[in-house]
Amino acid sequence: MGKIATENQQVLSHKGLHLYHGDISNCSMRVRMALEEKGLPWVSHHLDLKKNETRTPAYFAVNPMGLVPALVHDGVLIIESDDILEYIDKTFAQPALQPADQIGRDEVHAWLKLATSIHIKAVKTTIYTNKMRGVFKHSGVDADEYAKLQKDPELLAFHRISGSADGFTPAQVDTALKILDECWSRAETALSQHRWLVGDSFSLADITWVPLHFTLIGANYSFEPYPHVRAWAEAVRDRPSFQQGVLKWCAKF
């Protein structure tokens, strides 16, 4: 979705880089990491997801999807974390977080899009089932208000199920785990061939996937079958961008 038009005067008045984000949001983690890798100063607008601070008319007036992160750069609003990452790398060229060659850039883009495609049906389903069940409590009124604000049918369906007493079915959870297994097997293969997900240079692909590793560990997903993935995650953990972009805000998921 990338850049979107807005008439929100608060957004339009922002000068410099302003990030609306959540401490436990893996999508927020990746954007914070990218900003830190670039050495860019940014203004924090933190929203507490556990207190439903994104489920308000005020925040939907900022981001019509009601999601974090949302980046504002001199009054220009960009939503969706993959689009934000590519915007940051294009706008602030150094240090580059994508390969110079088109084949490498296409591979990075594919990793970003893969993460986006599995976010709700695999990542969020697993995290909510194993970690967040019962943490987010929505009354009937809250659900009705959210339904008026949220226009995305996939997100509406997800929150309807995740907020219910029964949660996701065993079949839905099993499907989510199979998707994750396929993705991490793919990452294991890539990392057995080179240091980072795309070749030997740290890139947006690594920034996109390491927060998934971090939050899935907290949700009791096992990385035991993936030794190269585990070594990669340890290498990323030593980077200042991980310390400042992830652990500073969420010491343990």
Protein backbone atom coordinates (compact mmCIF):
# COMPACT_ATOMS: atom_id res chain seq x y z
CA MET A 1 0.00 0.00 0.00
CA GLY A 2 2.92 2.36 0.70
CA LYS A 3 2.22 6.07 0.76
CA ILE A 4 -1.38 7.04 1.45
CA ALA A 5 -3.14 10.36 1.27
CA THR A 6 -4.23 11.84 4.59
CA GLU A 7 -6.03 14.93 5.80
CA ASN A 8 -5.00 14.34 9.40
CA GLN A 9 -3.52 17.65 10.50
CA GLN A 10 -1.43 16.03 13.20
CA VAL A 11 0.24 13.81 10.60
CA LEU A 12 0.68 16.62 8.09
CA SER A 13 2.36 18.79 10.71
CA HIS A 14 5.08 16.24 11.54
CA LYS A 15 8.57 17.31 10.51
CA GLY A 16 11.33 14.74 10.21
CA LEU A 17 10.72 11.06 10.90
CA HIS A 18 7.89 10.07 13.22
CA LEU A 19 7.11 6.43 13.95
CA TYR A 20 3.84 5.12 15.37
CA HIS A 21 4.79 1.73 16.77
CA GLY A 22 4.22 -0.91 19.43
CA ASP A 23 6.86 -2.45 21.66
CA ILE A 24 5.74 -6.07 21.08
CA SER A 25 4.85 -5.67 17.41
CA ASN A 26 7.30 -7.60 15.22
CA CYS A 27 6.43 -5.31 12.31
CA SER A 28 7.38 -2.32 14.47
CA MET A 29 10.60 -4.07 15.48
CA ARG A 30 11.77 -4.34 11.89
CA VAL A 31 11.14 -0.66 11.16
CA ARG A 32 12.91 0.42 14.34
CA MET A 33 15.86 -1.77 13.32
CA ALA A 34 16.00 -0.21 9.85
CA LEU A 35 15.99 3.31 11.29
CA GLU A 36 18.79 2.33 13.67
CA GLU A 37 20.84 0.68 10.90
CA LYS A 38 20.61 3.93 8.95
CA GLY A 39 21.53 5.98 12.02
CA LEU A 40 18.42 8.12 11.59
CA PRO A 41 16.90 10.22 14.37
CA TRP A 42 13.19 9.56 14.81
CA VAL A 43 10.34 10.64 17.06
CA SER A 44 8.53 7.88 18.91
CA HIS A 45 4.73 7.67 19.10
CA HIS A 46 4.35 4.48 21.10
CA LEU A 47 1.01 2.68 21.34
CA ASP A 48 0.37 -0.04 23.91
CA LEU A 49 -1.23 -2.92 22.03
CA LYS A 50 -2.25 -4.66 25.24
CA LYS A 51 -4.30 -1.59 26.15
CA ASN A 52 -5.92 -1.51 22.69
CA GLU A 53 -4.45 1.91 21.93
CA THR A 54 -4.57 1.19 18.19
CA ARG A 55 -8.28 0.38 18.30
CA THR A 56 -9.46 3.99 18.59
CA PRO A 57 -10.93 6.51 16.15
CA ALA A 58 -7.94 8.76 16.85
CA TYR A 59 -5.45 6.17 15.67
CA PHE A 60 -7.56 5.04 12.71
CA ALA A 61 -7.43 8.69 11.65
CA VAL A 62 -3.65 8.24 11.44
CA ASN A 63 -3.59 4.75 9.91
CA PRO A 64 -6.88 3.64 8.32
CA MET A 65 -5.83 0.01 8.82
CA GLY A 66 -5.49 0.52 12.57
CA LEU A 67 -2.11 -1.21 12.56
CA VAL A 68 1.40 -0.39 13.67
CA PRO A 69 3.81 0.65 12.40
CA ALA A 70 3.03 3.82 10.51
CA LEU A 71 5.85 6.12 9.44
CA VAL A 72 5.48 9.84 8.79
CA HIS A 73 8.28 11.64 6.98
CA ASP A 74 7.78 15.38 6.68
CA GLY A 75 4.01 14.95 6.59
CA VAL A 76 4.09 12.00 4.18
CA LEU A 77 2.38 8.90 5.62
CA ILE A 78 3.61 5.39 4.78
CA ILE A 79 1.96 2.26 6.17
CA GLU A 80 2.70 -1.48 5.90
CA SER A 81 6.10 -2.45 7.27
CA ASP A 82 7.51 -3.86 4.02
CA ASP A 83 6.67 -0.65 2.18
CA ILE A 84 8.12 1.41 5.03
CA LEU A 85 11.38 -0.55 4.90
CA GLU A 86 11.77 -0.05 1.18
CA TYR A 87 10.88 3.64 1.52
CA ILE A 88 13.55 4.12 4.20
CA ASP A 89 16.20 2.36 2.12
CA LYS A 90 15.35 4.31 -1.03
CA THR A 91 15.07 7.69 0.69
CA PHE A 92 18.17 7.34 2.87
CA ALA A 93 20.63 5.58 0.62
CA GLN A 94 23.50 4.91 3.05
CA PRO A 95 24.22 2.42 4.33
CA ALA A 96 22.44 0.40 1.65
CA LEU A 97 20.23 -2.39 2.97
CA GLN A 98 19.68 -4.07 -0.38
CA PRO A 99 22.13 -5.55 -2.90
CA ALA A 100 23.24 -3.38 -5.79
CA ASP A 101 22.26 -5.96 -8.41
CA GLN A 102 18.65 -6.44 -9.50
CA ILE A 103 18.63 -10.19 -8.87
CA GLY A 104 19.63 -9.63 -5.27
CA ARG A 105 17.10 -6.83 -4.84
CA ASP A 106 14.38 -9.06 -6.24
CA GLU A 107 15.33 -11.75 -3.73
CA VAL A 108 15.14 -9.27 -0.85
CA HIS A 109 11.74 -8.12 -2.11
CA ALA A 110 10.55 -11.74 -2.24
CA TRP A 111 11.51 -12.29 1.41
CA LEU A 112 9.63 -9.13 2.40
CA LYS A 113 6.51 -10.17 0.51
CA LEU A 114 6.65 -13.70 1.92
CA ALA A 115 6.68 -12.30 5.47
CA THR A 116 3.68 -10.13 4.63
CA SER A 117 1.77 -13.03 3.08
CA ILE A 118 2.08 -15.29 6.14
CA HIS A 119 1.70 -12.62 8.82
CA ILE A 120 -1.92 -13.19 9.76
CA LYS A 121 -2.54 -16.80 8.77
CA ALA A 122 0.67 -18.18 10.30
CA VAL A 123 2.60 -15.76 12.52
CA LYS A 124 -0.26 -13.99 14.30
CA THR A 125 -2.30 -17.19 14.55
CA THR A 126 0.59 -18.99 16.27
CA ILE A 127 1.46 -16.09 18.56
CA TYR A 128 -2.12 -15.47 19.63
CA THR A 129 -2.73 -19.17 20.23
CA ASN A 130 0.43 -19.84 22.22
CA LYS A 131 1.15 -16.49 23.85
CA MET A 132 -1.59 -13.88 23.68
CA ARG A 133 -4.75 -15.84 24.33
CA GLY A 134 -6.61 -14.08 27.11
CA VAL A 135 -4.23 -11.08 27.07
CA PHE A 136 -6.42 -9.02 24.77
CA LYS A 137 -9.92 -8.90 26.22
CA HIS A 138 -12.55 -7.22 24.07
CA SER A 139 -16.08 -6.60 25.27
CA GLY A 140 -19.00 -6.78 22.87
CA VAL A 141 -19.02 -3.00 22.70
CA ASP A 142 -15.32 -2.96 21.86
CA ALA A 143 -15.88 -5.51 19.11
CA ASP A 144 -18.75 -3.48 17.66
CA GLU A 145 -16.71 -0.28 17.72
CA TYR A 146 -13.73 -2.01 16.13
CA ALA A 147 -15.95 -3.46 13.38
CA LYS A 148 -17.08 0.07 12.52
CA LEU A 149 -13.48 1.26 12.26
CA GLN A 150 -11.81 -1.72 10.61
CA LYS A 151 -12.69 -2.26 6.94
CA ASP A 152 -10.27 -5.10 6.19
CA PRO A 153 -12.19 -8.42 6.19
CA GLU A 154 -9.12 -10.55 6.97
CA LEU A 155 -8.28 -8.50 10.05
CA LEU A 156 -11.90 -8.47 11.17
CA ALA A 157 -12.08 -12.26 10.87
CA PHE A 158 -8.79 -12.70 12.71
CA HIS A 159 -9.78 -10.54 15.67
CA ARG A 160 -13.22 -12.11 15.84
CA ILE A 161 -11.64 -15.55 16.24
CA SER A 162 -8.69 -14.50 18.42
CA GLY A 163 -11.01 -12.65 20.78
CA SER A 164 -13.48 -15.53 21.09
CA ALA A 165 -13.59 -18.03 23.92
CA ASP A 166 -12.64 -20.94 21.65
CA GLY A 167 -9.89 -19.26 19.67
CA PHE A 168 -8.46 -20.88 16.57
CA THR A 169 -9.34 -24.46 15.68
CA PRO A 170 -6.71 -27.22 15.85
CA ALA A 171 -6.81 -27.36 12.05
CA GLN A 172 -6.09 -23.63 11.76
CA VAL A 173 -3.22 -23.88 14.24
CA ASP A 174 -1.79 -26.90 12.41
CA THR A 175 -1.96 -25.05 9.08
CA ALA A 176 -0.16 -22.09 10.62
CA LEU A 177 2.64 -24.32 11.92
CA LYS A 178 3.05 -26.03 8.56
CA ILE A 179 3.42 -22.65 6.85
CA LEU A 180 6.02 -21.57 9.39
CA ASP A 181 7.92 -24.84 9.00
CA GLU A 182 8.05 -24.38 5.23
CA CYS A 183 9.31 -20.80 5.55
CA TRP A 184 11.99 -21.55 8.13
CA SER A 185 13.13 -24.57 6.11
CA ARG A 186 13.59 -22.20 3.20
CA ALA A 187 15.56 -19.83 5.43
CA GLU A 188 17.67 -22.73 6.71
CA THR A 189 18.61 -23.65 3.15
CA ALA A 190 19.53 -20.05 2.29
CA LEU A 191 21.59 -19.62 5.45
CA SER A 192 23.45 -22.88 4.86
CA GLN A 193 24.78 -21.29 1.65
CA HIS A 194 25.68 -17.79 2.82
CA ARG A 195 25.92 -15.67 5.95
CA TRP A 196 22.69 -13.71 5.54
CA LEU A 197 19.34 -14.49 3.94
CA VAL A 198 20.41 -12.83 0.69
CA GLY A 199 24.11 -13.34 0.04
CA ASP A 200 26.86 -12.11 2.33
CA SER A 201 25.49 -8.66 3.13
CA PHE A 202 23.00 -7.84 5.88
CA SER A 203 19.80 -6.60 4.26
CA LEU A 204 16.13 -5.76 4.68
CA ALA A 205 15.42 -9.48 4.39
CA ASP A 206 17.24 -10.14 7.66
CA ILE A 207 15.63 -7.11 9.29
CA THR A 208 12.22 -8.43 8.27
CA TRP A 209 12.64 -11.99 9.47
CA VAL A 210 14.66 -11.73 12.68
CA PRO A 211 11.75 -10.15 14.65
CA LEU A 212 9.63 -13.12 13.56
CA HIS A 213 12.26 -15.43 15.02
CA PHE A 214 12.34 -13.38 18.24
CA THR A 215 8.57 -13.30 18.76
CA LEU A 216 7.99 -16.91 17.69
CA ILE A 217 10.53 -18.11 20.26
CA GLY A 218 8.45 -16.27 22.84
CA ALA A 219 5.40 -18.09 21.51
CA ASN A 220 7.11 -21.49 21.97
CA TYR A 221 7.76 -22.22 18.31
CA SER A 222 10.75 -24.59 18.12
CA PHE A 223 13.78 -23.66 16.03
CA GLU A 224 15.60 -26.86 17.00
CA PRO A 225 15.47 -28.23 13.40
CA TYR A 226 17.16 -25.10 12.04
CA PRO A 227 20.77 -24.76 13.28
CA HIS A 228 21.77 -22.22 10.62
CA VAL A 229 18.74 -20.08 11.49
CA ARG A 230 19.69 -20.18 15.17
CA ALA A 231 23.27 -19.10 14.39
CA TRP A 232 21.99 -16.32 12.11
CA ALA A 233 19.65 -15.03 14.83
CA GLU A 234 22.53 -14.94 17.33
CA ALA A 235 24.63 -12.96 14.86
CA VAL A 236 21.83 -10.41 14.37
CA ARG A 237 21.32 -10.14 18.13
CA ASP A 238 24.81 -8.67 18.47
CA ARG A 239 24.01 -5.77 16.14
CA PRO A 240 23.31 -2.39 17.78
CA SER A 241 20.16 -2.08 15.65
CA PHE A 242 18.73 -5.19 17.31
CA GLN A 243 19.68 -3.94 20.75
CA GLN A 244 18.07 -0.54 20.14
CA GLY A 245 15.26 -1.52 17.78
CA VAL A 246 14.07 -4.67 19.55
CA LEU A 247 15.48 -5.28 23.03
CA LYS A 248 15.28 -1.66 24.17
CA TRP A 249 11.52 -1.80 23.68
CA CYS A 250 10.82 -5.49 24.27
CA ALA A 251 13.52 -7.17 26.36
CA LYS A 252 11.65 -10.48 26.28
CA PHE A 253 8.62 -11.36 24.22
